Amino acid sequence: MNLNSSHKSFLPKDAFSGFSNWWHNHLPSPSYGGWVLLGIALSFFGAATNTMAGWLYVLSGTSLALTGLNIFISSQTVKKLKIKRLPIEAISAGDELLIELTVTNPTKSGKNFVEIVDHLPFLLSKPVNSSIESLAPEETKKITYYANAQIRGIYHWHSLDIKSAAPIGLFYARKRRNIETRAIVYPQILPLKQCPLIDHIGNEQTQQQQSEKLYQNATEGVTKAIRQYRYGDPPRLIHWRSSARFGELQVRELETITGGQEVIICLDNSQSWNQELFEKAVIATASLYFYCSRQQLDVKLWTPKTNTIKGNHVVLEALAAIQPMEKKEDVQIPPKPLVWLSNNLSSLSSLPQGSRWIFFPENDDISGEQNISTSGLSCQSNMNLENLLQKTLRL
């Protein structure tokens, strides 16, 4: 009985929705003015039939001719126009996504009163309406608009409507185009000035790393070449003797020394997460990765699904798409000191020696575990993540 009842209530609604979409995509729909004109035309025609007055037939025919002209022109307008999506540049969460379309009129006649409706994913924006007053023959116009992307992710959408009521707004024609597009919203990257969690990974810093830091902060070093000063170059690199000789500032290019230390940042997303905490974990992962990159470390990202990957764009795209409960069978944690981010307390005890970690407790109650602050950090929901990542460890 319930099945029949629900089926009866669902089928007419679904059928009506399907019929409505078919109608709007194949036949123009009258506006309020179109309904009024149709009513007047039919009234004139009925009166002319009763009175046999010729002028009423003329008025009725003229009104119907106007509606027919509007139907034909608006239908041709939406069919002939060509639309192309331009590639969308990836951004970070919190920035505005730039979306660009090109609309081309390939015909020998002008097109007027065109409206483009882009059906963006609801997490980005409501449908965006853009209007074009006129398109000359063989003219191309660019449409630009923005969507405020607050949530990281890889967004796919395709639906785009072309509408027109040319030439006099009596009937609206609509044509849906399926043009695939993709937008990548990277996680936010925090500008860390220091990160003891990374600086103290492993047993201790090697002599090579210490000498590298001294070398980078030194005012003298191994000069590779002399070049012209560029805006933003440190004043300590100015080569005054060459500057005096050439009459303009010259700076030294120093040889780059890399410490060679490998850092593997692991995000454990194999189990369920609180969504807010998981977003914090993703931001922390991205921030740690780029902090290591700035420190010229050999940094890699590991997740249960992707295994070990490296490269800025590859890592950012993986973090944009990552979700909880993703894993592959027979995945092994790298047997090296690593940075482990997880909400699973039991996983901390099985990490390789010298590892560091960030724990994301679900209930903010970790009083029973006295040793977890000795080799890592605990991120409670009310903590500032940027301050936490720059916090000194109690080793």
Protein backbone atom coordinates (compact mmCIF):
# COMPACT_ATOMS: atom_id res chain seq x y z
CA MET A 1 0.00 0.00 0.00
CA ASN A 2 2.78 2.40 0.89
CA LEU A 3 4.69 1.46 -2.24
CA ASN A 4 1.70 2.22 -4.44
CA SER A 5 1.05 5.47 -2.64
CA SER A 6 4.62 6.68 -2.98
CA HIS A 7 4.72 5.51 -6.59
CA LYS A 8 1.60 7.48 -7.46
CA SER A 9 2.92 10.64 -5.83
CA PHE A 10 6.35 10.31 -7.47
CA LEU A 11 5.47 9.37 -11.04
CA PRO A 12 3.34 12.40 -12.03
CA LYS A 13 5.91 14.79 -10.56
CA ASP A 14 8.75 13.05 -12.37
CA ALA A 15 6.78 12.89 -15.60
CA PHE A 16 5.84 16.56 -15.36
CA SER A 17 9.45 17.55 -14.70
CA GLY A 18 10.63 15.54 -17.70
CA PHE A 19 7.93 17.00 -19.93
CA SER A 20 8.72 20.52 -18.73
CA ASN A 21 12.42 20.09 -19.54
CA TRP A 22 11.60 18.65 -22.96
CA TRP A 23 9.22 21.54 -23.69
CA HIS A 24 11.71 24.25 -22.69
CA ASN A 25 14.50 22.64 -24.73
CA HIS A 26 12.45 22.18 -27.90
CA LEU A 27 9.66 24.76 -27.90
CA PRO A 28 9.71 28.45 -26.90
CA SER A 29 7.68 29.41 -23.84
CA PRO A 30 5.48 32.52 -23.87
CA SER A 31 6.22 35.36 -21.49
CA TYR A 32 3.45 37.28 -19.77
CA GLY A 33 3.28 39.62 -22.75
CA GLY A 34 3.15 36.62 -25.08
CA TRP A 35 0.17 35.16 -23.23
CA VAL A 36 -1.60 38.51 -23.38
CA LEU A 37 -0.98 38.88 -27.12
CA LEU A 38 -2.16 35.33 -27.79
CA GLY A 39 -5.33 36.02 -25.80
CA ILE A 40 -5.96 39.23 -27.72
CA ALA A 41 -5.35 37.48 -31.06
CA LEU A 42 -7.77 34.69 -30.22
CA SER A 43 -10.34 37.21 -29.00
CA PHE A 44 -10.05 39.19 -32.24
CA PHE A 45 -10.32 35.98 -34.25
CA GLY A 46 -13.43 34.90 -32.34
CA ALA A 47 -15.01 38.32 -32.76
CA ALA A 48 -14.13 38.35 -36.46
CA THR A 49 -15.75 34.94 -36.91
CA ASN A 50 -18.98 36.19 -35.36
CA THR A 51 -19.10 39.61 -37.01
CA MET A 52 -17.27 38.81 -40.26
CA ALA A 53 -15.40 42.12 -39.85
CA GLY A 54 -12.26 42.16 -41.97
CA TRP A 55 -10.28 44.52 -39.76
CA LEU A 56 -10.64 42.09 -36.85
CA TYR A 57 -9.14 39.35 -39.01
CA VAL A 58 -6.27 41.71 -39.84
CA LEU A 59 -5.61 42.47 -36.16
CA SER A 60 -5.81 38.80 -35.26
CA GLY A 61 -3.47 37.79 -38.09
CA THR A 62 -1.00 40.54 -37.24
CA SER A 63 -0.87 39.44 -33.62
CA LEU A 64 -0.35 35.81 -34.57
CA ALA A 65 2.34 36.84 -37.09
CA LEU A 66 4.22 38.69 -34.34
CA THR A 67 4.13 35.65 -32.09
CA GLY A 68 5.27 33.40 -34.93
CA LEU A 69 8.12 35.77 -35.79
CA ASN A 70 9.25 35.85 -32.15
CA ILE A 71 9.11 32.05 -31.91
CA PHE A 72 11.18 31.59 -35.09
CA ILE A 73 13.86 34.20 -34.34
CA SER A 74 14.35 33.20 -30.69
CA SER A 75 14.62 29.52 -31.66
CA GLN A 76 17.19 30.25 -34.35
CA THR A 77 19.19 32.44 -31.98
CA VAL A 78 19.74 29.72 -29.36
CA LYS A 79 20.46 27.04 -31.98
CA LYS A 80 23.08 28.92 -33.98
CA LEU A 81 25.26 30.37 -31.24
CA LYS A 82 28.49 28.58 -30.33
CA ILE A 83 29.78 28.52 -26.75
CA LYS A 84 33.20 27.45 -25.52
CA ARG A 85 34.52 27.17 -21.99
CA LEU A 86 38.05 28.39 -21.33
CA PRO A 87 40.31 26.38 -18.98
CA ILE A 88 39.85 27.30 -15.33
CA GLU A 89 43.00 28.07 -13.40
CA ALA A 90 43.38 26.23 -10.10
CA ILE A 91 43.09 28.32 -6.93
CA SER A 92 43.33 27.84 -3.17
CA ALA A 93 40.30 27.61 -0.90
CA GLY A 94 39.04 31.06 0.03
CA ASP A 95 40.00 32.64 -3.30
CA GLU A 96 37.69 33.50 -6.17
CA LEU A 97 37.42 31.12 -9.10
CA LEU A 98 37.65 32.87 -12.48
CA ILE A 99 35.23 31.35 -15.01
CA GLU A 100 35.35 32.43 -18.65
CA LEU A 101 33.14 31.61 -21.63
CA THR A 102 33.31 32.70 -25.26
CA VAL A 103 30.08 33.14 -27.22
CA THR A 104 30.38 33.24 -31.02
CA ASN A 105 27.77 34.22 -33.59
CA PRO A 106 28.80 32.28 -36.74
CA THR A 107 25.89 33.52 -38.86
CA LYS A 108 25.64 36.46 -41.27
CA SER A 109 22.92 38.14 -39.18
CA GLY A 110 23.10 39.78 -35.77
CA LYS A 111 21.73 38.18 -32.60
CA ASN A 112 20.11 40.15 -29.80
CA PHE A 113 18.94 39.66 -26.21
CA VAL A 114 20.88 36.52 -25.32
CA GLU A 115 21.14 35.15 -21.80
CA ILE A 116 23.64 32.49 -20.66
CA VAL A 117 22.90 30.49 -17.50
CA ASP A 118 25.77 28.43 -16.08
CA HIS A 119 24.65 25.78 -13.58
CA LEU A 120 27.63 25.68 -11.21
CA PRO A 121 27.91 23.11 -8.40
CA PHE A 122 25.93 24.31 -5.40
CA LEU A 123 29.07 24.33 -3.23
CA LEU A 124 30.53 27.01 -5.50
CA SER A 125 27.60 29.22 -6.41
CA LYS A 126 24.01 29.46 -7.46
CA PRO A 127 23.39 29.40 -11.24
CA VAL A 128 25.07 32.44 -12.80
CA ASN A 129 23.15 34.52 -15.35
CA SER A 130 25.02 36.57 -17.95
CA SER A 131 23.36 38.79 -20.55
CA ILE A 132 24.50 39.83 -24.02
CA GLU A 133 22.55 42.67 -25.56
CA SER A 134 23.76 42.14 -29.12
CA LEU A 135 26.16 40.01 -31.15
CA ALA A 136 27.22 41.26 -34.56
CA PRO A 137 27.65 38.77 -37.44
CA GLU A 138 30.69 36.51 -36.87
CA GLU A 139 31.47 38.29 -33.59
CA THR A 140 32.87 36.61 -30.48
CA LYS A 141 32.36 37.95 -26.98
CA LYS A 142 33.93 36.81 -23.73
CA ILE A 143 31.86 36.39 -20.57
CA THR A 144 33.70 36.52 -17.25
CA TYR A 145 32.37 35.90 -13.76
CA TYR A 146 33.63 34.70 -10.39
CA ALA A 147 32.66 32.04 -7.87
CA ASN A 148 33.83 32.23 -4.26
CA ALA A 149 35.37 28.82 -3.57
CA GLN A 150 35.40 28.25 0.18
CA ILE A 151 35.73 24.46 0.12
CA ARG A 152 38.60 22.56 -1.48
CA GLY A 153 37.81 19.90 -4.04
CA ILE A 154 37.74 18.98 -7.72
CA TYR A 155 34.48 20.26 -9.18
CA HIS A 156 32.95 18.91 -12.40
CA TRP A 157 29.91 20.35 -14.15
CA HIS A 158 28.56 20.63 -17.67
CA SER A 159 25.04 22.13 -17.83
CA LEU A 160 24.76 25.49 -19.52
CA ASP A 161 21.59 27.12 -20.91
CA ILE A 162 21.26 29.61 -23.75
CA LYS A 163 18.10 31.71 -23.61
CA SER A 164 16.72 34.32 -25.95
CA ALA A 165 13.49 36.29 -26.31
CA ALA A 166 14.51 38.11 -29.49
CA PRO A 167 13.28 40.24 -31.06
CA ILE A 168 10.42 41.62 -28.92
CA GLY A 169 10.33 39.47 -25.78
CA LEU A 170 7.07 37.62 -26.39
CA PHE A 171 8.49 34.07 -26.35
CA TYR A 172 11.57 32.67 -24.60
CA ALA A 173 13.55 29.92 -26.30
CA ARG A 174 16.03 27.82 -24.33
CA LYS A 175 18.68 25.37 -25.45
CA ARG A 176 20.73 23.33 -23.00
CA ARG A 177 24.35 22.63 -23.88
CA ASN A 178 26.49 20.01 -22.16
CA ILE A 179 30.02 21.43 -22.07
CA GLU A 180 32.27 19.61 -19.62
CA THR A 181 34.54 21.62 -17.38
CA ARG A 182 36.62 21.08 -14.27
CA ALA A 183 37.77 23.40 -11.51
CA ILE A 184 40.40 22.49 -8.92
CA VAL A 185 40.35 24.20 -5.54
CA TYR A 186 43.51 23.45 -3.59
CA PRO A 187 43.56 23.38 0.23
CA GLN A 188 44.73 26.50 2.01
CA ILE A 189 48.48 26.72 2.64
CA LEU A 190 49.54 28.40 5.88
CA PRO A 191 52.61 30.69 5.73
CA LEU A 192 54.71 28.93 8.35
CA LYS A 193 57.83 30.81 9.48
CA GLN A 194 59.09 27.85 11.49
CA CYS A 195 58.00 24.31 12.20
CA PRO A 196 59.86 22.44 14.95
CA LEU A 197 57.89 19.32 14.03
CA ILE A 198 59.78 19.22 10.72
CA ASP A 199 63.03 20.71 11.98
CA HIS A 200 63.49 17.93 14.56
CA ILE A 201 62.32 14.96 12.52
CA GLY A 202 64.71 12.03 12.81
CA ASN A 203 67.09 11.70 15.71
CA GLU A 204 68.85 15.02 15.26
CA GLN A 205 69.99 17.37 12.56
CA THR A 206 73.05 16.20 10.74
CA GLN A 207 76.21 18.26 10.39
CA GLN A 208 75.41 18.77 6.75
CA GLN A 209 72.01 20.35 7.53
CA GLN A 210 73.53 22.61 10.16
CA SER A 211 76.28 23.76 7.80
CA GLU A 212 73.63 24.32 5.13
CA LYS A 213 71.68 26.69 7.37
CA LEU A 214 74.87 28.57 8.24
CA TYR A 215 75.69 28.74 4.56
CA GLN A 216 72.27 30.11 3.59
CA ASN A 217 72.48 32.85 6.23
CA ALA A 218 76.06 33.80 5.44
CA THR A 219 77.02 37.00 3.67
CA GLU A 220 79.73 35.18 1.70
CA GLY A 221 79.51 31.91 -0.21
CA VAL A 222 80.51 30.12 -3.37
CA THR A 223 79.67 32.52 -6.19
CA LYS A 224 78.31 30.87 -9.31
CA ALA A 225 77.72 33.98 -11.44
CA ILE A 226 77.20 37.74 -11.37
CA ARG A 227 73.94 39.10 -12.76
CA GLN A 228 71.89 42.29 -12.80
CA TYR A 229 69.93 43.17 -9.65
CA ARG A 230 66.25 42.20 -9.69
CA TYR A 231 63.52 43.53 -7.46
CA GLY A 232 63.36 41.43 -4.30
CA ASP A 233 67.00 40.28 -4.27
CA PRO A 234 68.53 40.40 -0.74
CA PRO A 235 70.87 43.39 -0.29
CA ARG A 236 73.52 41.06 1.21
CA LEU A 237 74.01 39.50 -2.24
CA ILE A 238 74.98 42.80 -3.92
CA HIS A 239 78.49 42.62 -5.41
CA TRP A 240 79.72 46.17 -4.91
CA ARG A 241 82.88 45.92 -6.98
CA SER A 242 80.97 44.75 -10.08
CA SER A 243 78.23 47.31 -9.41
CA ALA A 244 80.79 50.13 -9.44
CA ARG A 245 82.36 48.80 -12.64
CA PHE A 246 79.08 48.50 -14.60
CA GLY A 247 77.35 51.52 -13.11
CA GLU A 248 74.30 49.50 -11.96
CA LEU A 249 73.62 47.08 -9.15
CA GLN A 250 74.96 43.56 -9.67
CA VAL A 251 74.23 40.59 -7.41
CA ARG A 252 75.95 37.26 -6.83
CA GLU A 253 74.26 33.95 -7.64
CA LEU A 254 75.33 31.36 -5.09
CA GLU A 255 75.60 27.63 -5.52
CA THR A 256 72.65 25.81 -3.95
CA ILE A 257 73.50 23.17 -1.42
CA THR A 258 70.78 20.65 -0.64
CA GLY A 259 70.82 18.68 2.53
CA GLY A 260 69.29 15.61 0.91
CA GLN A 261 67.13 14.71 3.92
CA GLU A 262 63.97 12.88 2.91
CA VAL A 263 60.74 13.85 4.66
CA ILE A 264 57.58 11.83 4.10
CA ILE A 265 54.32 13.45 5.21
CA CYS A 266 51.57 10.87 5.72
CA LEU A 267 47.86 11.64 5.95
CA ASP A 268 45.96 8.70 7.39
CA ASN A 269 42.51 8.91 5.80
CA SER A 270 41.76 5.19 5.84
CA GLN A 271 39.04 5.55 8.50
CA SER A 272 36.12 7.88 9.12
CA TRP A 273 36.83 11.46 10.22
CA ASN A 274 34.96 14.40 11.63
CA GLN A 275 34.72 16.61 8.54
CA GLU A 276 35.96 19.78 10.25
CA LEU A 277 38.97 17.98 11.71
CA PHE A 278 39.71 16.33 8.39
CA GLU A 279 39.81 19.70 6.62
CA LYS A 280 42.26 20.89 9.27
CA ALA A 281 44.39 17.81 8.66
CA VAL A 282 44.44 18.45 4.91
CA ILE A 283 45.45 22.10 5.45
CA ALA A 284 48.18 20.98 7.86
CA THR A 285 49.44 18.42 5.34
CA ALA A 286 49.66 20.98 2.53
CA SER A 287 51.31 23.55 4.80
CA LEU A 288 53.92 21.08 6.06
CA TYR A 289 54.68 19.91 2.53
CA PHE A 290 55.41 23.40 1.26
CA TYR A 291 57.33 24.33 4.38
CA CYS A 292 59.63 21.37 3.66
CA SER A 293 59.89 22.44 0.04
CA ARG A 294 60.97 25.94 1.07
CA GLN A 295 63.59 24.37 3.34
CA GLN A 296 64.96 22.50 0.30
CA LEU A 297 64.15 19.10 1.78
CA ASP A 298 63.31 16.06 -0.32
CA VAL A 299 59.64 16.01 0.67
CA LYS A 300 57.01 13.50 -0.40
CA LEU A 301 53.36 12.84 0.40
CA TRP A 302 51.94 9.45 1.34
CA THR A 303 48.28 8.47 1.61
CA PRO A 304 46.72 5.00 1.67
CA LYS A 305 45.20 5.57 -1.78
CA THR A 306 48.00 7.33 -3.67
CA ASN A 307 50.99 5.76 -1.92
CA THR A 308 54.10 7.98 -2.16
CA ILE A 309 53.93 10.94 -4.55
CA LYS A 310 55.88 14.17 -5.00
CA GLY A 311 55.71 17.38 -7.02
CA ASN A 312 53.81 20.53 -6.09
CA HIS A 313 50.94 20.22 -8.58
CA VAL A 314 50.58 16.46 -8.14
CA VAL A 315 50.42 16.79 -4.35
CA LEU A 316 48.03 19.73 -4.40
CA GLU A 317 45.65 17.97 -6.76
CA ALA A 318 45.74 14.83 -4.62
CA LEU A 319 44.96 16.89 -1.50
CA ALA A 320 42.16 18.70 -3.32
CA ALA A 321 40.48 15.39 -4.09
CA ILE A 322 41.22 13.47 -0.89
CA GLN A 323 38.34 12.25 1.28
CA PRO A 324 38.05 10.04 4.38
CA MET A 325 37.66 6.27 4.06
CA GLU A 326 40.03 5.92 1.10
CA LYS A 327 42.48 3.04 1.06
CA LYS A 328 43.94 0.25 -1.02
CA GLU A 329 44.65 -3.31 0.01
CA ASP A 330 48.15 -4.30 1.15
CA VAL A 331 49.35 -0.73 1.63
CA GLN A 332 52.48 -0.46 3.75
CA ILE A 333 53.57 2.61 5.71
CA PRO A 334 57.05 3.74 4.58
CA PRO A 335 59.66 2.27 7.00
CA LYS A 336 61.38 5.62 7.55
CA PRO A 337 60.99 8.53 9.96
CA LEU A 338 57.89 10.36 8.83
CA VAL A 339 55.31 12.96 9.81
CA TRP A 340 52.04 11.18 10.57
CA LEU A 341 48.66 12.95 10.66
CA SER A 342 45.80 10.83 11.98
CA ASN A 343 42.76 10.70 14.24
CA ASN A 344 43.55 7.12 15.22
CA LEU A 345 45.43 7.14 18.54
CA SER A 346 46.48 3.49 18.29
CA SER A 347 48.36 4.15 15.03
CA LEU A 348 50.87 6.39 16.83
CA SER A 349 52.54 3.53 18.67
CA SER A 350 53.50 1.66 15.48
CA LEU A 351 55.33 4.49 13.71
CA PRO A 352 59.00 4.11 12.69
CA GLN A 353 61.56 5.39 15.17
CA GLY A 354 62.26 9.11 14.92
CA SER A 355 58.82 9.89 13.45
CA ARG A 356 56.73 12.91 14.37
CA TRP A 357 52.97 13.16 14.23
CA ILE A 358 49.90 15.35 14.66
CA PHE A 359 46.94 13.75 16.39
CA PHE A 360 43.39 15.00 15.76
CA PRO A 361 41.21 13.72 18.64
CA GLU A 362 37.49 13.54 18.01
CA ASN A 363 36.44 14.50 21.56
CA ASP A 364 39.37 16.73 22.66
CA ASP A 365 39.96 14.39 25.62
CA ILE A 366 43.51 13.00 25.62
CA SER A 367 44.23 13.20 29.34
CA GLY A 368 44.70 9.45 29.53
CA GLU A 369 47.64 9.49 27.14
CA GLN A 370 50.50 11.25 28.93
CA ASN A 371 53.20 10.44 26.41
CA ILE A 372 51.67 11.71 23.20
CA SER A 373 53.02 15.25 23.53
CA THR A 374 56.64 14.06 23.65
CA SER A 375 57.05 13.40 19.93
CA GLY A 376 54.15 15.17 18.30
CA LEU A 377 51.27 17.59 18.58
CA SER A 378 47.61 17.27 19.42
CA CYS A 379 45.19 19.45 17.48
CA GLN A 380 42.01 20.23 19.39
CA SER A 381 39.06 21.68 17.51
CA ASN A 382 39.41 25.11 19.16
CA MET A 383 43.13 25.49 18.42
CA ASN A 384 44.64 27.84 15.87
CA LEU A 385 46.29 25.52 13.36
CA GLU A 386 48.98 27.97 12.24
CA ASN A 387 50.13 28.57 15.82
CA LEU A 388 50.06 24.85 16.56
CA LEU A 389 52.32 23.95 13.63
CA GLN A 390 54.87 26.52 14.80
CA LYS A 391 54.76 25.29 18.40
CA THR A 392 57.98 24.00 19.98
CA LEU A 393 58.04 20.29 20.76
CA ARG A 394 58.86 19.02 24.27
CA LEU A 395 61.46 16.43 23.36
